[in-house]
Amino acid sequence: MSQATTLVLRTPEGVVFSQLLAGPVSRALAWLIDVALFLAFLIMLSSVVSLISLVAGETAEAFGVLLYFVFSVGYGIFFEWIWRGQTVGKRMLRLRVVDAQGLRLKPSQIVIRNLLRVVDLMPLAYLVGGLACVLNRRAQRLGDLAANTVVIRIPRTTEPNLEQLMAGKYNSFRRYPHLAGRLRQRLSADEAALALQALLRRDRLEPAARLELFGSLAGHLREQVRFPHEATEGITDEQYVRNVVDLLYRPERAIPATARSQAAAASLP
């Protein structure tokens, strides 16, 4: 069975995007990094247990077994939880666990895929899990199949050319620096990145999906901070989002002299 290299997803809004799937080799390398960390932990644990056993005897050995079990099961769960689908090995190789349908990764999925790692490891060195990855089109091991997850590669991205994106665009929102500052305080980094990505990918969207997407984004942004009517009159939802992105990612940009004169004229009775 030939393996797919990309995971193609379509959102309810009609936005189509793809993710690069991680293959068995890159996943195995990430696992080896995690195994190296695990072995380092075992060496430290063995030294600590040896010292404690001089005083506590068998109690120390039982405590060591308990710590081994907690770490072996909890390592993947802990890091994939706090790093949103990444362990140390995956982070180093730019891999991430995601939901197979593009939805937000749930804690239950993280727990399921890591608990079933015991089955994937059987009978030795990930033989079951490795065969499942090779035979599955999306390189899923048994834990991924049960949790409905896939592992993707995170491509290296370059900084977008905001000067080109915003070139020649007058931003009426810059006439209200106090509202711009309030907007920067209220919007999270994820919300700002979502608005930026929508602008960068707008030409790839179908017309109806493009209108719906920017309508939703503009509606959400309007709920955060209300700009005066004269600043928003006559601009489209897409222009509204562009103005907000301009404020968020280029806060130091000064208002051009022509724009200042227009603002002054507009303020006259």
Protein backbone atom coordinates (compact mmCIF):
# COMPACT_ATOMS: atom_id res chain seq x y z
CA MET A 1 0.00 0.00 0.00
CA SER A 2 1.48 3.36 -1.06
CA GLN A 3 1.69 5.96 1.65
CA ALA A 4 0.24 9.44 1.34
CA THR A 5 2.64 12.32 1.87
CA THR A 6 0.05 14.96 2.72
CA LEU A 7 -3.11 15.12 4.80
CA VAL A 8 -5.74 17.20 2.97
CA LEU A 9 -8.40 18.80 5.19
CA ARG A 10 -11.45 20.91 4.43
CA THR A 11 -13.02 23.13 7.09
CA PRO A 12 -16.80 23.72 7.34
CA GLU A 13 -16.15 27.23 5.93
CA GLY A 14 -14.80 25.72 2.71
CA VAL A 15 -11.13 26.39 3.43
CA VAL A 16 -8.88 23.61 2.11
CA PHE A 17 -5.41 23.16 3.56
CA SER A 18 -2.85 20.37 3.73
CA GLN A 19 -0.35 19.07 6.26
CA LEU A 20 2.83 17.12 5.51
CA LEU A 21 2.65 13.66 7.06
CA ALA A 22 5.64 12.34 8.97
CA GLY A 23 6.99 9.04 7.67
CA PRO A 24 8.15 5.99 9.67
CA VAL A 25 11.82 7.02 9.45
CA SER A 26 11.42 10.50 10.94
CA ARG A 27 9.10 9.13 13.60
CA ALA A 28 11.63 6.43 14.48
CA LEU A 29 14.41 9.02 14.84
CA ALA A 30 12.24 11.11 17.15
CA TRP A 31 11.49 8.00 19.20
CA LEU A 32 15.22 7.22 19.49
CA ILE A 33 15.83 10.69 20.91
CA ASP A 34 13.08 10.13 23.47
CA VAL A 35 14.53 6.70 24.29
CA ALA A 36 17.95 8.29 24.92
CA LEU A 37 16.35 10.68 27.39
CA PHE A 38 14.50 7.79 29.00
CA LEU A 39 17.72 5.81 29.41
CA ALA A 40 19.39 8.84 30.98
CA PHE A 41 16.50 9.00 33.45
CA LEU A 42 16.88 5.28 34.23
CA ILE A 43 20.58 5.74 35.00
CA MET A 44 19.83 8.59 37.40
CA LEU A 45 16.93 6.62 38.93
CA SER A 46 19.13 3.58 39.46
CA SER A 47 21.75 5.67 41.25
CA VAL A 48 19.16 7.29 43.52
CA VAL A 49 17.47 3.96 44.33
CA SER A 50 20.85 2.39 45.14
CA LEU A 51 21.60 5.13 47.65
CA ILE A 52 18.16 5.03 49.24
CA SER A 53 18.17 1.21 49.43
CA LEU A 54 21.09 1.40 51.83
CA VAL A 55 18.64 2.87 54.32
CA ALA A 56 15.16 1.83 53.18
CA GLY A 57 15.93 -1.55 51.60
CA GLU A 58 13.06 -3.08 49.59
CA THR A 59 10.92 0.04 50.04
CA ALA A 60 13.37 1.98 47.89
CA GLU A 61 13.22 -0.66 45.17
CA ALA A 62 9.43 -0.56 45.15
CA PHE A 63 9.57 3.22 44.92
CA GLY A 64 11.97 2.94 41.97
CA VAL A 65 9.62 0.57 40.13
CA LEU A 66 6.74 2.98 40.70
CA LEU A 67 8.75 5.91 39.36
CA TYR A 68 9.77 3.86 36.32
CA PHE A 69 6.14 3.06 35.54
CA VAL A 70 5.00 6.67 36.02
CA PHE A 71 7.76 8.07 33.82
CA SER A 72 7.44 5.47 31.06
CA VAL A 73 3.69 6.09 30.73
CA GLY A 74 3.60 9.75 31.68
CA TYR A 75 6.52 11.00 29.58
CA GLY A 76 4.60 11.13 26.29
CA ILE A 77 1.35 12.25 27.92
CA PHE A 78 3.02 15.10 29.81
CA PHE A 79 5.02 16.58 26.94
CA GLU A 80 2.35 16.09 24.27
CA TRP A 81 -0.07 17.84 26.62
CA ILE A 82 2.04 20.91 27.48
CA TRP A 83 3.70 21.16 24.03
CA ARG A 84 0.49 20.53 22.03
CA GLY A 85 1.41 17.19 20.49
CA GLN A 86 5.19 17.20 20.80
CA THR A 87 7.72 15.31 22.87
CA VAL A 88 11.38 16.32 23.06
CA GLY A 89 12.22 14.11 20.08
CA LYS A 90 9.31 15.38 17.99
CA ARG A 91 10.15 18.97 18.87
CA MET A 92 13.76 18.54 17.75
CA LEU A 93 12.70 16.99 14.43
CA ARG A 94 9.77 19.41 13.91
CA LEU A 95 7.03 16.77 14.23
CA ARG A 96 3.65 17.14 15.93
CA VAL A 97 0.68 14.91 16.80
CA VAL A 98 -2.62 16.30 15.52
CA ASP A 99 -6.21 15.16 15.20
CA ALA A 100 -6.76 13.25 11.93
CA GLN A 101 -9.66 15.54 10.97
CA GLY A 102 -7.83 18.76 11.73
CA LEU A 103 -9.71 19.36 14.99
CA ARG A 104 -8.10 20.46 18.24
CA LEU A 105 -6.15 17.63 19.86
CA LYS A 106 -8.07 16.40 22.91
CA PRO A 107 -6.46 15.24 26.18
CA SER A 108 -8.25 11.88 25.79
CA GLN A 109 -6.52 11.34 22.44
CA ILE A 110 -3.13 12.02 23.99
CA VAL A 111 -3.82 9.53 26.79
CA ILE A 112 -5.14 6.80 24.46
CA ARG A 113 -2.24 6.93 21.98
CA ASN A 114 0.34 6.83 24.78
CA LEU A 115 -1.34 4.02 26.73
CA LEU A 116 -1.44 1.88 23.58
CA ARG A 117 2.27 2.46 23.09
CA VAL A 118 2.74 -0.70 25.16
CA VAL A 119 1.03 -2.69 22.38
CA ASP A 120 2.97 -0.92 19.62
CA LEU A 121 6.25 -1.77 21.37
CA MET A 122 5.50 -5.51 21.26
CA PRO A 123 7.22 -7.86 20.95
CA LEU A 124 10.41 -5.78 20.78
CA ALA A 125 11.64 -2.36 19.58
CA TYR A 126 8.32 -1.10 18.21
CA LEU A 127 7.86 -4.03 15.83
CA VAL A 128 4.04 -3.91 15.89
CA GLY A 129 3.89 -0.13 15.74
CA GLY A 130 6.55 0.03 13.02
CA LEU A 131 4.72 -2.47 10.82
CA ALA A 132 1.47 -0.56 11.34
CA CYS A 133 3.17 2.69 10.24
CA VAL A 134 4.61 1.05 7.11
CA LEU A 135 1.34 -0.60 6.11
CA ASN A 136 -0.92 2.36 6.91
CA ARG A 137 -1.38 5.07 4.23
CA ARG A 138 -1.05 7.84 6.81
CA ALA A 139 1.81 6.21 8.75
CA GLN A 140 -0.36 5.64 11.83
CA ARG A 141 0.61 3.17 14.52
CA LEU A 142 -2.08 1.33 16.49
CA GLY A 143 -2.18 4.07 19.12
CA ASP A 144 -2.83 6.66 16.39
CA LEU A 145 -5.61 4.56 14.86
CA ALA A 146 -7.33 4.17 18.22
CA ALA A 147 -6.98 7.87 19.10
CA ASN A 148 -7.71 9.11 15.55
CA THR A 149 -4.45 11.03 15.36
CA VAL A 150 -1.66 11.48 12.84
CA VAL A 151 1.88 12.82 13.11
CA ILE A 152 2.75 15.70 10.79
CA ARG A 153 5.92 17.52 9.83
CA ILE A 154 6.12 21.22 10.64
CA PRO A 155 7.63 23.03 7.63
CA ARG A 156 10.13 25.79 8.16
CA THR A 157 8.45 29.08 7.40
CA THR A 158 9.86 32.45 6.49
CA GLU A 159 8.61 35.73 7.85
CA PRO A 160 5.88 37.17 5.61
CA ASN A 161 6.64 40.39 3.77
CA LEU A 162 4.22 42.67 5.59
CA GLU A 163 5.48 45.74 3.76
CA GLN A 164 4.39 44.18 0.47
CA LEU A 165 1.12 42.90 1.95
CA MET A 166 0.18 46.32 3.33
CA ALA A 167 1.78 48.45 0.62
CA GLY A 168 -0.27 51.47 -0.37
CA LYS A 169 -3.06 50.71 2.10
CA TYR A 170 -4.30 53.61 4.21
CA ASN A 171 -5.18 52.43 7.70
CA SER A 172 -7.84 54.64 9.26
CA PHE A 173 -7.47 52.77 12.57
CA ARG A 174 -4.09 54.42 13.18
CA ARG A 175 -5.89 57.66 13.96
CA TYR A 176 -6.91 56.06 17.28
CA PRO A 177 -3.70 54.84 19.00
CA HIS A 178 -5.47 54.27 22.33
CA LEU A 179 -7.89 51.83 20.67
CA ALA A 180 -5.02 50.19 18.79
CA GLY A 181 -3.21 49.62 22.08
CA ARG A 182 -6.34 48.18 23.65
CA LEU A 183 -6.70 45.81 20.69
CA ARG A 184 -3.14 44.53 21.14
CA GLN A 185 -3.87 43.83 24.80
CA ARG A 186 -7.08 41.92 24.18
CA LEU A 187 -6.08 39.75 21.23
CA SER A 188 -4.05 36.60 21.87
CA ALA A 189 -1.07 35.57 19.75
CA ASP A 190 -3.12 32.74 18.21
CA GLU A 191 -5.90 35.15 17.20
CA ALA A 192 -3.40 37.51 15.63
CA ALA A 193 -1.70 34.68 13.74
CA LEU A 194 -5.07 33.43 12.46
CA ALA A 195 -5.93 36.86 11.02
CA LEU A 196 -2.49 37.12 9.39
CA GLN A 197 -2.70 33.65 7.84
CA ALA A 198 -6.17 34.43 6.46
CA LEU A 199 -4.72 37.43 4.61
CA LEU A 200 -1.72 35.48 3.33
CA ARG A 201 -3.93 32.67 1.97
CA ARG A 202 -6.88 34.71 0.78
CA ASP A 203 -6.15 34.13 -2.92
CA ARG A 204 -6.39 30.35 -2.42
CA LEU A 205 -9.96 30.51 -1.12
CA GLU A 206 -13.14 30.18 -3.10
CA PRO A 207 -15.02 33.52 -3.34
CA ALA A 208 -17.89 32.44 -1.08
CA ALA A 209 -15.52 30.90 1.48
CA ARG A 210 -13.37 34.03 1.38
CA LEU A 211 -16.33 36.29 2.15
CA GLU A 212 -17.54 34.03 4.95
CA LEU A 213 -14.09 33.67 6.52
CA PHE A 214 -13.33 37.40 6.61
CA GLY A 215 -16.88 38.14 7.75
CA SER A 216 -16.37 35.85 10.74
CA LEU A 217 -12.94 37.26 11.53
CA ALA A 218 -14.07 40.87 11.24
CA GLY A 219 -17.09 40.16 13.45
CA HIS A 220 -14.87 38.67 16.13
CA LEU A 221 -12.42 41.58 15.95
CA ARG A 222 -15.21 44.14 16.22
CA GLU A 223 -16.32 42.52 19.45
CA GLN A 224 -12.88 43.08 20.97
CA VAL A 225 -12.58 46.82 20.30
CA ARG A 226 -15.10 49.20 18.71
CA PHE A 227 -13.53 51.76 16.39
CA PRO A 228 -15.57 54.92 15.64
CA HIS A 229 -17.97 54.86 12.72
CA GLU A 230 -15.85 57.29 10.65
CA ALA A 231 -12.90 54.86 10.85
CA THR A 232 -14.89 51.85 9.59
CA GLU A 233 -17.32 53.46 7.19
CA GLY A 234 -17.08 52.06 3.67
CA ILE A 235 -14.44 49.38 4.32
CA THR A 236 -15.00 45.71 3.64
CA ASP A 237 -14.56 42.90 6.17
CA GLU A 238 -11.28 41.95 4.52
CA GLN A 239 -10.00 45.53 4.78
CA TYR A 240 -11.06 45.58 8.43
CA VAL A 241 -8.96 42.47 9.10
CA ARG A 242 -6.04 43.96 7.14
CA ASN A 243 -6.15 47.14 9.21
CA VAL A 244 -6.10 45.12 12.43
CA VAL A 245 -3.17 42.97 11.24
CA ASP A 246 -1.32 46.15 10.31
CA LEU A 247 -1.78 47.46 13.86
CA LEU A 248 -0.76 44.18 15.47
CA TYR A 249 2.34 43.41 13.42
CA ARG A 250 3.55 46.92 12.62
CA PRO A 251 2.70 48.91 15.75
CA GLU A 252 5.65 51.27 15.35
CA ARG A 253 4.69 52.45 11.87
CA ALA A 254 3.88 56.14 11.83
CA ILE A 255 0.93 57.66 10.01
CA PRO A 256 2.09 59.20 6.72
CA ALA A 257 1.85 63.00 6.40
CA THR A 258 -0.92 62.73 3.81
CA ALA A 259 -2.91 60.48 6.13
CA ARG A 260 -2.41 62.92 9.01
CA SER A 261 -3.68 65.79 6.91
CA GLN A 262 -6.70 63.69 5.90
CA ALA A 263 -7.39 62.88 9.54
CA ALA A 264 -7.08 66.53 10.53
CA ALA A 265 -9.43 67.59 7.77
CA ALA A 266 -11.95 64.93 8.77
CA SER A 267 -11.91 66.22 12.36
CA LEU A 268 -12.84 69.78 11.35
CA PRO A 269 -16.49 70.80 11.85
